[in-house]
Amino acid sequence: MQLFYNLDITEDSKEILFNKEESRHIFKVLRKKEGDQLMLTNGKGFFFKVELLQSNPKQCDAKVISVESKEPLPYYLHLAVAPTKLNDRYEWFLEKATEIGISEITPVICEHSERKIIKLERYEKKVISALKQSLKAYLPKINKAISLKEFFKIQKENNCQKLIAHCEETQKHSLKSQLSAQQNTTILIGPEGDFSPNEISLAIASNFKPVSLGKSRLRTETAAIVACHSVAFVNE
């Protein structure tokens, strides 16, 4: 099934206009014609079945013939992950996390971060593409990049479970021992050089529990996926 994404469509919409890029894809690639049906999502929990009224490479439009609401994830997972030196690795993480199931993502800039500038629009496009490919009804929220200290300030009033995965040889719990179903969780994943000792201390002072993701030393993007899948697995 080919799934399209449109932010503006709502459960009350009667008709939808496709932009030029999507119209060209519908007409030239999919070879859809008047009367054919397509599926859309607005990333807010709804699937829409629409029927093409007009199909041409400049402008396709369709009428909504049915609306289906989907239940959200039974948990809320917020991953705060330091941007990787190679941008494509972070984009891979965004893609796979969306496929697995995630609610919110915040790029955090740490003391050892080698990449401190991100292109939020590019990240958003990656997530939308993964949403469509994996047939998801909910689009994860991606926040702008902020410093780790600023992130701690924002999370101060958040009463969810807070965890930090790091590689320092200190007392840590295993991630799986800290997870339970239907739980709101925020997990911090550091850069290639890991969190600094000072950052780990700040995290603990901000009520983040140190956790281990296993005995192997993982890349940033791999650690983030392990954390994401662990939460999803607990909620199966």
C-alpha atoms as a PDB file:
ATOM      1  CA  MET A   1       0.000   0.000   0.000  1.00  0.00           C
ATOM      2  CA  GLN A   2       1.260   3.469  -0.908  1.00  0.00           C
ATOM      3  CA  LEU A   3       0.745   5.900   1.978  1.00  0.00           C
ATOM      4  CA  PHE A   4       0.784   9.674   1.537  1.00  0.00           C
ATOM      5  CA  TYR A   5       1.307  12.285   4.244  1.00  0.00           C
ATOM      6  CA  ASN A   6      -0.650  15.525   4.499  1.00  0.00           C
ATOM      7  CA  LEU A   7      -0.393  17.665   7.610  1.00  0.00           C
ATOM      8  CA  ASP A   8      -3.515  19.714   6.873  1.00  0.00           C
ATOM      9  CA  ILE A   9      -6.119  17.020   6.301  1.00  0.00           C
ATOM     10  CA  THR A  10      -8.498  16.471   9.246  1.00  0.00           C
ATOM     11  CA  GLU A  11     -11.291  14.045  10.098  1.00  0.00           C
ATOM     12  CA  ASP A  12     -13.753  16.704   8.849  1.00  0.00           C
ATOM     13  CA  SER A  13     -12.086  17.209   5.449  1.00  0.00           C
ATOM     14  CA  LYS A  14     -14.157  16.420   2.365  1.00  0.00           C
ATOM     15  CA  GLU A  15     -11.545  16.989  -0.328  1.00  0.00           C
ATOM     16  CA  ILE A  16      -7.742  17.082  -0.559  1.00  0.00           C
ATOM     17  CA  LEU A  17      -5.386  18.777  -3.022  1.00  0.00           C
ATOM     18  CA  PHE A  18      -1.970  17.221  -3.620  1.00  0.00           C
ATOM     19  CA  ASN A  19       1.079  19.428  -4.136  1.00  0.00           C
ATOM     20  CA  LYS A  20       2.971  19.422  -7.428  1.00  0.00           C
ATOM     21  CA  GLU A  21       5.598  16.899  -6.292  1.00  0.00           C
ATOM     22  CA  GLU A  22       3.009  14.418  -5.031  1.00  0.00           C
ATOM     23  CA  SER A  23       0.778  14.981  -8.060  1.00  0.00           C
ATOM     24  CA  ARG A  24       3.652  14.167 -10.391  1.00  0.00           C
ATOM     25  CA  HIS A  25       4.428  11.007  -8.379  1.00  0.00           C
ATOM     26  CA  ILE A  26       0.783   9.913  -8.466  1.00  0.00           C
ATOM     27  CA  PHE A  27       0.456  10.509 -12.197  1.00  0.00           C
ATOM     28  CA  LYS A  28       3.901   9.640 -13.585  1.00  0.00           C
ATOM     29  CA  VAL A  29       5.173   6.929 -11.205  1.00  0.00           C
ATOM     30  CA  LEU A  30       2.069   5.283  -9.782  1.00  0.00           C
ATOM     31  CA  ARG A  31       0.075   5.907 -12.974  1.00  0.00           C
ATOM     32  CA  LYS A  32      -3.090   6.556 -11.020  1.00  0.00           C
ATOM     33  CA  LYS A  33      -6.164   7.862 -12.800  1.00  0.00           C
ATOM     34  CA  GLU A  34      -9.554   9.334 -11.914  1.00  0.00           C
ATOM     35  CA  GLY A  35     -11.514   6.920  -9.715  1.00  0.00           C
ATOM     36  CA  ASP A  36      -8.439   5.214  -8.221  1.00  0.00           C
ATOM     37  CA  GLN A  37      -8.090   5.178  -4.449  1.00  0.00           C
ATOM     38  CA  LEU A  38      -5.183   6.273  -2.252  1.00  0.00           C
ATOM     39  CA  MET A  39      -4.410   6.207   1.469  1.00  0.00           C
ATOM     40  CA  LEU A  40      -3.268   9.266   3.439  1.00  0.00           C
ATOM     41  CA  THR A  41      -2.316  10.060   7.016  1.00  0.00           C
ATOM     42  CA  ASN A  42      -1.965  13.394   8.780  1.00  0.00           C
ATOM     43  CA  GLY A  43       0.495  11.966  11.314  1.00  0.00           C
ATOM     44  CA  LYS A  44      -1.997  12.679  14.073  1.00  0.00           C
ATOM     45  CA  GLY A  45      -3.591   9.258  14.338  1.00  0.00           C
ATOM     46  CA  PHE A  46      -5.845   9.130  11.281  1.00  0.00           C
ATOM     47  CA  PHE A  47      -5.857   7.200   8.017  1.00  0.00           C
ATOM     48  CA  PHE A  48      -7.890   8.580   5.133  1.00  0.00           C
ATOM     49  CA  LYS A  49      -9.081   6.684   2.075  1.00  0.00           C
ATOM     50  CA  VAL A  50      -9.536   9.066  -0.846  1.00  0.00           C
ATOM     51  CA  GLU A  51     -10.713   8.735  -4.442  1.00  0.00           C
ATOM     52  CA  LEU A  52      -9.038  10.712  -7.190  1.00  0.00           C
ATOM     53  CA  LEU A  53     -11.272  13.255  -8.884  1.00  0.00           C
ATOM     54  CA  GLN A  54      -8.518  14.581 -11.125  1.00  0.00           C
ATOM     55  CA  SER A  55      -5.128  13.119 -11.982  1.00  0.00           C
ATOM     56  CA  ASN A  56      -2.494  15.105 -13.846  1.00  0.00           C
ATOM     57  CA  PRO A  57       1.192  15.906 -13.172  1.00  0.00           C
ATOM     58  CA  LYS A  58       0.462  19.480 -12.092  1.00  0.00           C
ATOM     59  CA  GLN A  59      -2.473  19.009  -9.747  1.00  0.00           C
ATOM     60  CA  CYS A  60      -4.237  15.959  -8.349  1.00  0.00           C
ATOM     61  CA  ASP A  61      -7.260  16.286  -6.141  1.00  0.00           C
ATOM     62  CA  ALA A  62      -9.398  13.701  -4.395  1.00  0.00           C
ATOM     63  CA  LYS A  63     -12.492  13.323  -2.267  1.00  0.00           C
ATOM     64  CA  VAL A  64     -12.364  11.699   1.173  1.00  0.00           C
ATOM     65  CA  ILE A  65     -14.459   8.530   1.237  1.00  0.00           C
ATOM     66  CA  SER A  66     -13.546   7.130   4.673  1.00  0.00           C
ATOM     67  CA  VAL A  67     -11.640   8.016   7.854  1.00  0.00           C
ATOM     68  CA  GLU A  68     -10.093   5.582  10.346  1.00  0.00           C
ATOM     69  CA  SER A  69      -8.607   6.538  13.696  1.00  0.00           C
ATOM     70  CA  LYS A  70      -5.708   4.583  15.167  1.00  0.00           C
ATOM     71  CA  GLU A  71      -4.737   4.106  18.795  1.00  0.00           C
ATOM     72  CA  PRO A  72      -1.466   5.788  19.791  1.00  0.00           C
ATOM     73  CA  LEU A  73       1.469   3.880  21.240  1.00  0.00           C
ATOM     74  CA  PRO A  74       0.690   2.532  24.738  1.00  0.00           C
ATOM     75  CA  TYR A  75       3.743   4.439  26.002  1.00  0.00           C
ATOM     76  CA  TYR A  76       5.503   7.749  25.407  1.00  0.00           C
ATOM     77  CA  LEU A  77       9.172   7.433  24.508  1.00  0.00           C
ATOM     78  CA  HIS A  78      11.349  10.525  24.285  1.00  0.00           C
ATOM     79  CA  LEU A  79      14.914   9.901  23.114  1.00  0.00           C
ATOM     80  CA  ALA A  80      17.428  12.707  23.584  1.00  0.00           C
ATOM     81  CA  VAL A  81      20.326  11.734  21.319  1.00  0.00           C
ATOM     82  CA  ALA A  82      23.509  13.657  20.569  1.00  0.00           C
ATOM     83  CA  PRO A  83      24.011  14.324  16.835  1.00  0.00           C
ATOM     84  CA  THR A  84      26.581  12.020  15.263  1.00  0.00           C
ATOM     85  CA  LYS A  85      29.688  13.233  13.440  1.00  0.00           C
ATOM     86  CA  LEU A  86      28.414  11.639  10.223  1.00  0.00           C
ATOM     87  CA  ASN A  87      24.970  13.009   9.552  1.00  0.00           C
ATOM     88  CA  ASP A  88      23.734   9.947   7.669  1.00  0.00           C
ATOM     89  CA  ARG A  89      24.125   7.845  10.833  1.00  0.00           C
ATOM     90  CA  TYR A  90      21.742  10.105  12.728  1.00  0.00           C
ATOM     91  CA  GLU A  91      19.291  10.040   9.824  1.00  0.00           C
ATOM     92  CA  TRP A  92      19.463   6.233   9.889  1.00  0.00           C
ATOM     93  CA  PHE A  93      18.544   6.342  13.582  1.00  0.00           C
ATOM     94  CA  LEU A  94      15.595   8.671  12.863  1.00  0.00           C
ATOM     95  CA  GLU A  95      14.325   6.360  10.146  1.00  0.00           C
ATOM     96  CA  LYS A  96      14.578   3.154  12.165  1.00  0.00           C
ATOM     97  CA  ALA A  97      13.217   4.690  15.380  1.00  0.00           C
ATOM     98  CA  THR A  98      10.156   5.901  13.474  1.00  0.00           C
ATOM     99  CA  GLU A  99       9.626   2.415  12.065  1.00  0.00           C
ATOM    100  CA  ILE A 100       9.960   0.798  15.500  1.00  0.00           C
ATOM    101  CA  GLY A 101       7.863   3.351  17.396  1.00  0.00           C
ATOM    102  CA  ILE A 102       8.903   6.557  19.120  1.00  0.00           C
ATOM    103  CA  SER A 103       7.075   9.661  20.327  1.00  0.00           C
ATOM    104  CA  GLU A 104       9.636  12.454  20.519  1.00  0.00           C
ATOM    105  CA  ILE A 105      13.273  13.093  19.609  1.00  0.00           C
ATOM    106  CA  THR A 106      15.584  15.852  20.811  1.00  0.00           C
ATOM    107  CA  PRO A 107      19.111  16.324  19.444  1.00  0.00           C
ATOM    108  CA  VAL A 108      21.247  17.343  22.448  1.00  0.00           C
ATOM    109  CA  ILE A 109      24.616  19.078  22.168  1.00  0.00           C
ATOM    110  CA  CYS A 110      27.143  17.730  24.676  1.00  0.00           C
ATOM    111  CA  GLU A 111      30.710  18.572  25.709  1.00  0.00           C
ATOM    112  CA  HIS A 112      32.131  15.863  23.431  1.00  0.00           C
ATOM    113  CA  SER A 113      29.784  16.524  20.491  1.00  0.00           C
ATOM    114  CA  GLU A 114      31.621  16.868  17.175  1.00  0.00           C
ATOM    115  CA  ARG A 115      28.472  17.989  15.346  1.00  0.00           C
ATOM    116  CA  LYS A 116      26.703  20.965  16.881  1.00  0.00           C
ATOM    117  CA  ILE A 117      24.544  22.170  13.986  1.00  0.00           C
ATOM    118  CA  ILE A 118      21.690  20.156  12.517  1.00  0.00           C
ATOM    119  CA  LYS A 119      19.276  20.682   9.647  1.00  0.00           C
ATOM    120  CA  LEU A 120      15.899  20.193  11.293  1.00  0.00           C
ATOM    121  CA  GLU A 121      13.980  20.348   8.024  1.00  0.00           C
ATOM    122  CA  ARG A 122      16.073  17.500   6.602  1.00  0.00           C
ATOM    123  CA  TYR A 123      15.464  15.402   9.725  1.00  0.00           C
ATOM    124  CA  GLU A 124      11.726  16.047   9.503  1.00  0.00           C
ATOM    125  CA  LYS A 125      11.696  14.839   5.891  1.00  0.00           C
ATOM    126  CA  LYS A 126      13.471  11.630   6.917  1.00  0.00           C
ATOM    127  CA  VAL A 127      10.892  10.959   9.619  1.00  0.00           C
ATOM    128  CA  ILE A 128       7.984  11.644   7.263  1.00  0.00           C
ATOM    129  CA  SER A 129       9.486   9.266   4.700  1.00  0.00           C
ATOM    130  CA  ALA A 130       9.852   6.552   7.356  1.00  0.00           C
ATOM    131  CA  LEU A 131       6.290   7.190   8.544  1.00  0.00           C
ATOM    132  CA  LYS A 132       4.953   6.557   5.051  1.00  0.00           C
ATOM    133  CA  GLN A 133       7.168   3.540   4.432  1.00  0.00           C
ATOM    134  CA  SER A 134       6.199   1.844   7.704  1.00  0.00           C
ATOM    135  CA  LEU A 135       2.489   2.767   7.407  1.00  0.00           C
ATOM    136  CA  LYS A 136       2.378   4.649  10.712  1.00  0.00           C
ATOM    137  CA  ALA A 137      -0.458   6.973  11.708  1.00  0.00           C
ATOM    138  CA  TYR A 138       1.517   9.039  14.219  1.00  0.00           C
ATOM    139  CA  LEU A 139       4.446  11.270  13.286  1.00  0.00           C
ATOM    140  CA  PRO A 140       7.168  11.543  15.958  1.00  0.00           C
ATOM    141  CA  LYS A 141       7.931  15.055  17.165  1.00  0.00           C
ATOM    142  CA  ILE A 142      11.463  16.297  16.414  1.00  0.00           C
ATOM    143  CA  ASN A 143      12.709  19.225  18.462  1.00  0.00           C
ATOM    144  CA  LYS A 144      15.406  21.702  17.560  1.00  0.00           C
ATOM    145  CA  ALA A 145      18.899  20.971  18.889  1.00  0.00           C
ATOM    146  CA  ILE A 146      19.620  22.289  22.376  1.00  0.00           C
ATOM    147  CA  SER A 147      22.455  22.030  24.873  1.00  0.00           C
ATOM    148  CA  LEU A 148      22.356  19.230  27.406  1.00  0.00           C
ATOM    149  CA  LYS A 149      22.173  21.747  30.252  1.00  0.00           C
ATOM    150  CA  GLU A 150      19.153  23.401  28.638  1.00  0.00           C
ATOM    151  CA  PHE A 151      17.561  19.986  28.200  1.00  0.00           C
ATOM    152  CA  PHE A 152      17.917  19.294  31.915  1.00  0.00           C
ATOM    153  CA  LYS A 153      16.130  22.587  32.672  1.00  0.00           C
ATOM    154  CA  ILE A 154      13.237  21.685  30.379  1.00  0.00           C
ATOM    155  CA  GLN A 155      12.950  18.205  31.887  1.00  0.00           C
ATOM    156  CA  LYS A 156      12.979  19.464  35.470  1.00  0.00           C
ATOM    157  CA  GLU A 157       9.179  19.423  35.782  1.00  0.00           C
ATOM    158  CA  ASN A 158       8.729  16.232  33.789  1.00  0.00           C
ATOM    159  CA  ASN A 159       7.604  13.393  36.061  1.00  0.00           C
ATOM    160  CA  CYS A 160       8.317  10.553  33.613  1.00  0.00           C
ATOM    161  CA  GLN A 161      11.022   7.940  34.150  1.00  0.00           C
ATOM    162  CA  LYS A 162      14.388   9.466  33.239  1.00  0.00           C
ATOM    163  CA  LEU A 163      17.372   7.348  32.213  1.00  0.00           C
ATOM    164  CA  ILE A 164      20.880   8.063  30.938  1.00  0.00           C
ATOM    165  CA  ALA A 165      22.918   5.433  29.085  1.00  0.00           C
ATOM    166  CA  HIS A 166      26.664   5.957  29.344  1.00  0.00           C
ATOM    167  CA  CYS A 167      29.918   3.984  29.199  1.00  0.00           C
ATOM    168  CA  GLU A 168      31.633   5.095  32.408  1.00  0.00           C
ATOM    169  CA  GLU A 169      32.622   2.322  34.820  1.00  0.00           C
ATOM    170  CA  THR A 170      30.212   3.348  37.553  1.00  0.00           C
ATOM    171  CA  GLN A 171      27.208   1.752  39.174  1.00  0.00           C
ATOM    172  CA  LYS A 172      24.426   1.288  36.628  1.00  0.00           C
ATOM    173  CA  HIS A 173      21.229  -0.709  36.257  1.00  0.00           C
ATOM    174  CA  SER A 174      20.478  -2.716  33.129  1.00  0.00           C
ATOM    175  CA  LEU A 175      17.981  -0.927  30.909  1.00  0.00           C
ATOM    176  CA  LYS A 176      15.607  -3.890  30.827  1.00  0.00           C
ATOM    177  CA  SER A 177      15.416  -3.923  34.635  1.00  0.00           C
ATOM    178  CA  GLN A 178      14.132  -0.347  34.606  1.00  0.00           C
ATOM    179  CA  LEU A 179      11.433  -0.721  31.963  1.00  0.00           C
ATOM    180  CA  SER A 180       7.812  -1.707  32.361  1.00  0.00           C
ATOM    181  CA  ALA A 181       4.831  -1.535  30.024  1.00  0.00           C
ATOM    182  CA  GLN A 182       2.786   1.614  29.425  1.00  0.00           C
ATOM    183  CA  GLN A 183       5.366   3.891  30.958  1.00  0.00           C
ATOM    184  CA  ASN A 184       6.429   7.373  29.884  1.00  0.00           C
ATOM    185  CA  THR A 185      10.204   7.353  29.537  1.00  0.00           C
ATOM    186  CA  THR A 186      12.980   9.756  28.546  1.00  0.00           C
ATOM    187  CA  ILE A 187      16.358   8.233  27.663  1.00  0.00           C
ATOM    188  CA  LEU A 188      19.599  10.138  27.084  1.00  0.00           C
ATOM    189  CA  ILE A 189      22.142   8.828  24.557  1.00  0.00           C
ATOM    190  CA  GLY A 190      25.521  10.574  24.290  1.00  0.00           C
ATOM    191  CA  PRO A 191      27.889  11.412  21.420  1.00  0.00           C
ATOM    192  CA  GLU A 192      30.751   9.294  20.054  1.00  0.00           C
ATOM    193  CA  GLY A 193      32.989  10.440  22.921  1.00  0.00           C
ATOM    194  CA  ASP A 194      30.273   9.620  25.477  1.00  0.00           C
ATOM    195  CA  PHE A 195      29.009  11.989  28.157  1.00  0.00           C
ATOM    196  CA  SER A 196      31.650  13.706  30.279  1.00  0.00           C
ATOM    197  CA  PRO A 197      31.828  12.802  34.000  1.00  0.00           C
ATOM    198  CA  ASN A 198      30.449  16.258  34.762  1.00  0.00           C
ATOM    199  CA  GLU A 199      27.456  15.696  32.455  1.00  0.00           C
ATOM    200  CA  ILE A 200      26.741  12.343  34.086  1.00  0.00           C
ATOM    201  CA  SER A 201      26.793  14.008  37.508  1.00  0.00           C
ATOM    202  CA  LEU A 202      24.428  16.715  36.270  1.00  0.00           C
ATOM    203  CA  ALA A 203      22.111  14.058  34.879  1.00  0.00           C
ATOM    204  CA  ILE A 204      22.000  12.183  38.188  1.00  0.00           C
ATOM    205  CA  ALA A 205      21.347  15.468  40.007  1.00  0.00           C
ATOM    206  CA  SER A 206      18.452  15.978  37.552  1.00  0.00           C
ATOM    207  CA  ASN A 207      16.940  12.608  38.556  1.00  0.00           C
ATOM    208  CA  PHE A 208      18.230  10.619  35.573  1.00  0.00           C
ATOM    209  CA  LYS A 209      19.138   7.038  36.509  1.00  0.00           C
ATOM    210  CA  PRO A 210      22.316   5.596  34.913  1.00  0.00           C
ATOM    211  CA  VAL A 211      21.637   2.485  32.818  1.00  0.00           C
ATOM    212  CA  SER A 212      23.641   0.004  30.786  1.00  0.00           C
ATOM    213  CA  LEU A 213      22.646  -1.204  27.306  1.00  0.00           C
ATOM    214  CA  GLY A 214      24.796  -4.328  27.583  1.00  0.00           C
ATOM    215  CA  LYS A 215      28.463  -5.314  27.580  1.00  0.00           C
ATOM    216  CA  SER A 216      29.275  -4.130  24.052  1.00  0.00           C
ATOM    217  CA  ARG A 217      30.427  -0.587  23.358  1.00  0.00           C
ATOM    218  CA  LEU A 218      27.820   0.759  20.939  1.00  0.00           C
ATOM    219  CA  ARG A 219      27.832   3.584  18.433  1.00  0.00           C
ATOM    220  CA  THR A 220      25.505   6.470  19.275  1.00  0.00           C
ATOM    221  CA  GLU A 221      22.914   5.538  16.659  1.00  0.00           C
ATOM    222  CA  THR A 222      23.077   1.843  17.591  1.00  0.00           C
ATOM    223  CA  ALA A 223      22.601   2.628  21.280  1.00  0.00           C
ATOM    224  CA  ALA A 224      19.582   4.779  20.438  1.00  0.00           C
ATOM    225  CA  ILE A 225      17.992   1.974  18.417  1.00  0.00           C
ATOM    226  CA  VAL A 226      18.690  -0.572  21.175  1.00  0.00           C
ATOM    227  CA  ALA A 227      16.943   1.724  23.659  1.00  0.00           C
ATOM    228  CA  CYS A 228      14.037   2.334  21.281  1.00  0.00           C
ATOM    229  CA  HIS A 229      13.509  -1.351  20.535  1.00  0.00           C
ATOM    230  CA  SER A 230      13.833  -2.320  24.217  1.00  0.00           C
ATOM    231  CA  VAL A 231      10.952  -0.011  25.121  1.00  0.00           C
ATOM    232  CA  ALA A 232       8.863  -1.261  22.190  1.00  0.00           C
ATOM    233  CA  PHE A 233       9.584  -4.907  23.110  1.00  0.00           C
ATOM    234  CA  VAL A 234       8.448  -4.408  26.713  1.00  0.00           C
ATOM    235  CA  ASN A 235       5.173  -3.004  25.407  1.00  0.00           C
ATOM    236  CA  GLU A 236       4.377  -5.849  22.987  1.00  0.00           C
END
